[in-house]
Amino acid sequence: MNQVAPTSRTVMDLIEAGAQQLTEAGVAFGHGTANAFDEAAWLVLWQLGLPLDDLDSVQNRPVAPAEQAKIAALFETRITTRKPAAYLTREAWLLGVPFYVDERSIVPRSFIAELLADGAIDPWLGEHTKKVLDLCTGNGSLAVLAAMAWPTVTVDGADISADALAVARINVDKHGLQDRITLLQSDGLAAVRGPYDLILCNPPYVNTQNMGALPAEYQAEPAVALAGGADGMDFIRALLQAAPAHMSENAVLVLEIGNEREHFETAFPQLEVVWLATSAGEDQVLLITRDALK
């Protein structure tokens, strides 16, 4: 009897089949991709060692049976563990910049990154802007992007988690920014070295009800980086009270609050803020001046 040759499959065949698998399994996205096709493309291209930004040039490449088996195993792991793909590939991107990531820190996805790139914060900055704090730095991605956006500033990246700071150290070194970024272990602002001219903060802000409803992919991330208490504002209350003492005269605070605008406005009804537009809308990130906080 003649043996049947392994089915010839291309990169695109595997991506489309993988996307169908992910869809049927009901996995959740939001850690670098927003849909099954993009996530499948990421996993297939990563496993094959192919560029992630040039699918068109490789989509018809045949994939050997051994490579097909590795791809199948990767999709099986993604589905059975429900870990974000970034934890499996050990890499994530913000604005096209690559960052190392693992389970010690959340997968970077802050909308503040967009504001650094498009100059939306720049009207509040100036020659006085020399020292920046990235509070709740996680894997250090916003600290790195801030240093890239403003080549003359120095940046402190602070986090309560020693594990997260170990991941941040990998990224600071990866991008050669050791001379301009200092990493600090600090519970909120307790151990930082202000005053700062700009504070960036993507804090834990998910309220208790929403924490319980998060998909498994988000539950795989460190809860300390997500959970913000009953109304999501526990960390933010302490931050806004302490921040003025750590800010220079013309400093501003840029704060991400996700989908918690209603809780934020309930907690701080008199606070004058500026809402900043991102790809997620005009209710995810806000800016507060030192004068408004005082």
Protein backbone atom coordinates (compact mmCIF):
# COMPACT_ATOMS: atom_id res chain seq x y z
CA MET A 1 0.00 0.00 0.00
CA ASN A 2 1.33 3.41 -0.90
CA GLN A 3 1.88 5.82 2.00
CA VAL A 4 -0.12 9.03 1.86
CA ALA A 5 2.15 12.06 1.70
CA PRO A 6 1.64 14.68 4.43
CA THR A 7 -0.83 17.33 3.42
CA SER A 8 0.91 20.31 1.90
CA ARG A 9 -0.11 23.41 3.83
CA THR A 10 0.96 27.00 3.53
CA VAL A 11 1.50 29.67 6.17
CA MET A 12 -1.90 31.15 5.33
CA ASP A 13 -3.60 27.75 5.53
CA LEU A 14 -2.30 27.34 9.07
CA ILE A 15 -3.26 30.86 10.10
CA GLU A 16 -6.81 30.44 8.85
CA ALA A 17 -7.15 27.04 10.50
CA GLY A 18 -5.68 28.42 13.73
CA ALA A 19 -8.06 31.37 13.70
CA GLN A 20 -10.99 28.97 13.40
CA GLN A 21 -9.64 26.94 16.32
CA LEU A 22 -9.30 30.02 18.51
CA THR A 23 -12.79 31.20 17.60
CA GLU A 24 -14.39 27.82 18.30
CA ALA A 25 -12.53 27.61 21.63
CA GLY A 26 -13.83 31.02 22.69
CA VAL A 27 -10.48 32.42 23.79
CA ALA A 28 -10.30 36.09 24.78
CA PHE A 29 -8.12 38.67 23.05
CA GLY A 30 -6.81 42.08 24.07
CA HIS A 31 -3.17 41.33 24.87
CA GLY A 32 -1.68 42.59 21.65
CA THR A 33 -4.34 41.42 19.23
CA ALA A 34 -8.04 42.10 18.96
CA ASN A 35 -9.29 39.15 16.89
CA ALA A 36 -8.68 35.49 16.09
CA PHE A 37 -7.00 36.03 12.73
CA ASP A 38 -4.40 38.47 14.06
CA GLU A 39 -3.64 36.21 17.01
CA ALA A 40 -3.32 33.16 14.80
CA ALA A 41 -0.98 35.06 12.47
CA TRP A 42 1.15 36.09 15.46
CA LEU A 43 1.45 32.53 16.75
CA VAL A 44 2.17 30.93 13.36
CA LEU A 45 4.72 33.52 12.25
CA TRP A 46 6.43 33.51 15.65
CA GLN A 47 6.69 29.71 15.72
CA LEU A 48 8.20 29.75 12.21
CA GLY A 49 10.62 32.56 13.05
CA LEU A 50 9.16 34.75 10.32
CA PRO A 51 8.72 38.56 10.43
CA LEU A 52 5.47 39.47 12.14
CA ASP A 53 4.87 42.56 10.02
CA ASP A 54 5.15 41.07 6.53
CA LEU A 55 2.58 38.33 6.14
CA ASP A 56 2.03 39.09 2.45
CA SER A 57 5.53 37.98 1.49
CA VAL A 58 5.35 34.62 3.27
CA GLN A 59 1.68 33.65 3.18
CA ASN A 60 2.17 31.08 0.40
CA ARG A 61 5.29 29.50 1.92
CA PRO A 62 4.84 25.74 2.38
CA VAL A 63 5.20 24.51 5.95
CA ALA A 64 6.91 21.20 6.66
CA PRO A 65 5.06 18.54 8.71
CA ALA A 66 7.43 18.95 11.68
CA GLU A 67 6.76 22.68 11.73
CA GLN A 68 3.03 22.04 11.42
CA ALA A 69 3.21 19.83 14.51
CA LYS A 70 4.93 22.57 16.54
CA ILE A 71 2.32 25.09 15.47
CA ALA A 72 -0.49 22.69 16.42
CA ALA A 73 1.09 22.23 19.86
CA LEU A 74 1.37 25.99 20.34
CA PHE A 75 -2.31 26.52 19.54
CA GLU A 76 -3.22 23.68 21.88
CA THR A 77 -1.25 25.35 24.69
CA ARG A 78 -2.91 28.71 23.99
CA ILE A 79 -6.36 27.15 24.17
CA THR A 80 -5.90 24.81 27.12
CA THR A 81 -3.96 27.16 29.41
CA ARG A 82 -5.80 30.36 28.38
CA LYS A 83 -2.52 32.21 28.86
CA PRO A 84 -2.15 35.36 26.74
CA ALA A 85 -0.13 34.67 23.60
CA ALA A 86 2.51 37.14 24.81
CA TYR A 87 3.31 34.83 27.73
CA LEU A 88 3.87 31.98 25.28
CA THR A 89 6.05 33.96 22.86
CA ARG A 90 7.74 36.01 25.62
CA GLU A 91 7.29 39.14 23.52
CA ALA A 92 4.79 41.96 23.12
CA TRP A 93 4.76 45.25 21.23
CA LEU A 94 3.63 48.78 21.89
CA LEU A 95 3.69 51.12 18.89
CA GLY A 96 5.88 48.64 17.05
CA VAL A 97 8.50 48.58 19.81
CA PRO A 98 9.27 45.06 21.08
CA PHE A 99 9.25 44.25 24.79
CA TYR A 100 10.09 41.10 26.71
CA VAL A 101 7.23 39.91 28.89
CA ASP A 102 6.43 36.94 31.11
CA GLU A 103 3.99 36.05 33.88
CA ARG A 104 5.75 38.33 36.38
CA SER A 105 4.17 41.43 34.82
CA ILE A 106 1.01 42.27 32.91
CA VAL A 107 1.14 42.32 29.14
CA PRO A 108 1.82 45.94 28.07
CA ARG A 109 -1.17 47.60 26.39
CA SER A 110 -1.48 51.08 27.90
CA PHE A 111 -3.18 53.73 25.78
CA ILE A 112 -0.75 56.23 27.28
CA ALA A 113 1.73 54.87 24.73
CA GLU A 114 -0.32 56.45 21.94
CA LEU A 115 -0.17 59.83 23.65
CA LEU A 116 3.62 59.65 23.91
CA ALA A 117 3.87 58.92 20.19
CA ASP A 118 1.38 61.46 18.84
CA GLY A 119 2.50 64.40 20.99
CA ALA A 120 -0.87 64.83 22.70
CA ILE A 121 0.81 65.56 26.04
CA ASP A 122 3.40 67.95 24.60
CA PRO A 123 1.33 71.16 25.06
CA TRP A 124 1.68 70.70 28.84
CA LEU A 125 5.42 70.09 28.63
CA GLY A 126 8.36 72.36 27.88
CA GLU A 127 11.99 73.09 28.64
CA HIS A 128 11.16 72.56 32.31
CA THR A 129 10.30 68.91 31.60
CA LYS A 130 13.42 67.05 32.61
CA LYS A 131 12.36 64.35 35.05
CA VAL A 132 9.60 61.82 34.36
CA LEU A 133 8.08 59.12 36.59
CA ASP A 134 6.41 56.03 35.17
CA LEU A 135 4.48 54.79 38.19
CA CYS A 136 3.28 51.16 38.13
CA THR A 137 5.84 50.59 35.39
CA GLY A 138 5.22 46.84 35.09
CA ASN A 139 7.53 45.55 32.38
CA GLY A 140 8.93 49.06 31.87
CA SER A 141 7.34 49.70 28.48
CA LEU A 142 6.04 53.23 29.16
CA ALA A 143 9.33 54.21 30.77
CA VAL A 144 11.17 53.05 27.66
CA LEU A 145 8.74 54.78 25.30
CA ALA A 146 8.95 58.02 27.30
CA ALA A 147 12.74 57.96 27.11
CA MET A 148 12.49 57.39 23.37
CA ALA A 149 9.91 60.16 22.89
CA TRP A 150 11.90 62.79 24.80
CA PRO A 151 15.65 62.19 24.39
CA THR A 152 16.64 64.83 26.95
CA VAL A 153 14.62 63.55 29.92
CA THR A 154 15.52 61.06 32.61
CA VAL A 155 12.91 58.55 33.71
CA ASP A 156 12.23 56.69 36.95
CA GLY A 157 10.20 53.51 36.58
CA ALA A 158 8.57 52.51 39.88
CA ASP A 159 6.56 49.46 40.86
CA ILE A 160 5.63 47.68 44.09
CA SER A 161 6.51 44.32 42.51
CA ALA A 162 10.13 43.16 42.53
CA ASP A 163 9.15 40.54 39.96
CA ALA A 164 7.79 43.16 37.57
CA LEU A 165 10.92 45.27 38.04
CA ALA A 166 13.06 42.28 37.07
CA VAL A 167 11.16 42.15 33.78
CA ALA A 168 11.50 45.93 33.39
CA ARG A 169 15.26 45.58 33.85
CA ILE A 170 15.38 43.21 30.86
CA ASN A 171 13.59 45.81 28.71
CA VAL A 172 15.65 48.79 29.86
CA ASP A 173 18.79 46.84 29.02
CA LYS A 174 17.30 45.53 25.76
CA HIS A 175 16.82 49.10 24.52
CA GLY A 176 20.12 50.40 25.88
CA LEU A 177 18.54 52.97 28.20
CA GLN A 178 20.36 52.10 31.43
CA ASP A 179 21.85 55.61 31.66
CA ARG A 180 18.48 57.36 31.46
CA ILE A 181 16.02 55.02 33.20
CA THR A 182 16.26 54.17 36.90
CA LEU A 183 14.06 51.42 38.31
CA LEU A 184 12.70 51.79 41.85
CA GLN A 185 10.71 49.47 44.08
CA SER A 186 8.02 51.63 45.63
CA ASP A 187 4.55 51.18 47.11
CA GLY A 188 2.85 53.97 45.21
CA LEU A 189 4.86 57.14 45.70
CA ALA A 190 6.39 56.06 49.03
CA ALA A 191 9.96 55.52 47.77
CA VAL A 192 10.23 57.66 44.63
CA ARG A 193 12.73 60.49 44.10
CA GLY A 194 10.78 63.55 42.99
CA PRO A 195 9.90 66.19 42.33
CA TYR A 196 8.83 65.13 38.84
CA ASP A 197 7.81 67.30 35.91
CA LEU A 198 5.59 64.57 34.46
CA ILE A 199 4.05 61.50 36.08
CA LEU A 200 2.66 58.71 33.89
CA CYS A 201 0.54 56.09 35.62
CA ASN A 202 -1.38 53.06 34.41
CA PRO A 203 -2.44 51.81 37.87
CA PRO A 204 -4.55 48.91 39.11
CA TYR A 205 -8.08 50.21 38.49
CA VAL A 206 -10.37 47.25 37.81
CA ASN A 207 -13.27 47.24 40.29
CA THR A 208 -14.10 44.13 42.30
CA GLN A 209 -17.18 43.20 40.28
CA ASN A 210 -15.30 43.44 36.99
CA MET A 211 -12.30 41.54 38.39
CA GLY A 212 -14.56 38.57 38.99
CA ALA A 213 -15.86 38.71 35.44
CA LEU A 214 -12.49 38.97 33.67
CA PRO A 215 -11.70 36.27 31.08
CA ALA A 216 -9.12 33.65 32.05
CA GLU A 217 -6.45 35.41 29.97
CA TYR A 218 -6.63 38.44 32.27
CA GLN A 219 -6.83 36.24 35.36
CA ALA A 220 -3.46 34.82 34.26
CA GLU A 221 -1.85 38.22 34.89
CA PRO A 222 -0.67 39.42 38.32
CA ALA A 223 -3.78 40.56 40.20
CA VAL A 224 -1.78 43.24 42.04
CA ALA A 225 -1.43 45.08 38.71
CA LEU A 226 -5.17 44.98 37.97
CA ALA A 227 -7.34 45.01 41.11
CA GLY A 228 -8.34 48.47 42.30
CA GLY A 229 -10.77 47.65 45.11
CA ALA A 230 -14.54 47.90 45.33
CA ASP A 231 -14.86 50.84 42.92
CA GLY A 232 -11.43 50.53 41.28
CA MET A 233 -10.21 53.76 42.88
CA ASP A 234 -8.20 52.54 45.91
CA PHE A 235 -4.75 53.14 44.41
CA ILE A 236 -5.89 56.30 42.66
CA ARG A 237 -7.24 57.89 45.87
CA ALA A 238 -3.85 57.51 47.55
CA LEU A 239 -2.05 58.67 44.42
CA LEU A 240 -4.00 61.89 43.97
CA GLN A 241 -3.61 62.78 47.64
CA ALA A 242 0.16 62.22 47.65
CA ALA A 243 1.06 63.37 44.14
CA PRO A 244 1.38 67.18 44.60
CA ALA A 245 4.26 66.72 47.06
CA HIS A 246 6.15 64.80 44.36
CA MET A 247 5.44 67.19 41.47
CA SER A 248 7.29 70.30 40.34
CA GLU A 249 5.40 73.57 39.99
CA ASN A 250 4.24 73.07 36.38
CA ALA A 251 4.01 69.29 36.49
CA VAL A 252 1.14 67.19 35.17
CA LEU A 253 -0.12 63.69 35.90
CA VAL A 254 -1.33 61.48 33.04
CA LEU A 255 -3.54 58.71 34.41
CA GLU A 256 -5.18 55.74 32.71
CA ILE A 257 -8.44 54.49 34.24
CA GLY A 258 -9.79 52.11 31.60
CA ASN A 259 -13.56 51.74 31.73
CA GLU A 260 -13.88 53.27 35.19
CA ARG A 261 -14.79 56.86 34.28
CA GLU A 262 -18.12 56.70 36.13
CA HIS A 263 -16.41 55.51 39.31
CA PHE A 264 -13.67 58.10 38.89
CA GLU A 265 -16.12 60.99 38.57
CA THR A 266 -18.11 59.71 41.54
CA ALA A 267 -14.97 59.52 43.67
CA PHE A 268 -13.58 62.92 42.56
CA PRO A 269 -16.60 65.04 41.56
CA GLN A 270 -14.88 68.42 42.00
CA LEU A 271 -11.55 67.56 40.35
CA GLU A 272 -10.77 69.46 37.16
CA VAL A 273 -9.28 67.09 34.59
CA VAL A 274 -8.59 67.01 30.85
CA TRP A 275 -9.74 63.88 29.01
CA LEU A 276 -7.31 62.81 26.28
CA ALA A 277 -8.42 61.07 23.09
CA THR A 278 -6.98 57.64 22.30
CA SER A 279 -7.98 54.86 19.91
CA ALA A 280 -10.26 53.59 22.70
CA GLY A 281 -12.16 56.89 22.94
CA GLU A 282 -12.04 59.96 25.18
CA ASP A 283 -12.78 58.38 28.54
CA GLN A 284 -9.81 56.09 29.19
CA VAL A 285 -6.94 58.50 29.93
CA LEU A 286 -6.96 61.86 31.70
CA LEU A 287 -4.51 64.62 32.53
CA ILE A 288 -4.42 66.55 35.81
CA THR A 289 -2.25 69.56 36.59
CA ARG A 290 -0.53 69.99 39.93
CA ASP A 291 -2.61 73.11 40.53
CA ALA A 292 -5.84 71.14 40.07
CA LEU A 293 -4.66 68.49 42.55
CA LYS A 294 -3.75 71.11 45.14
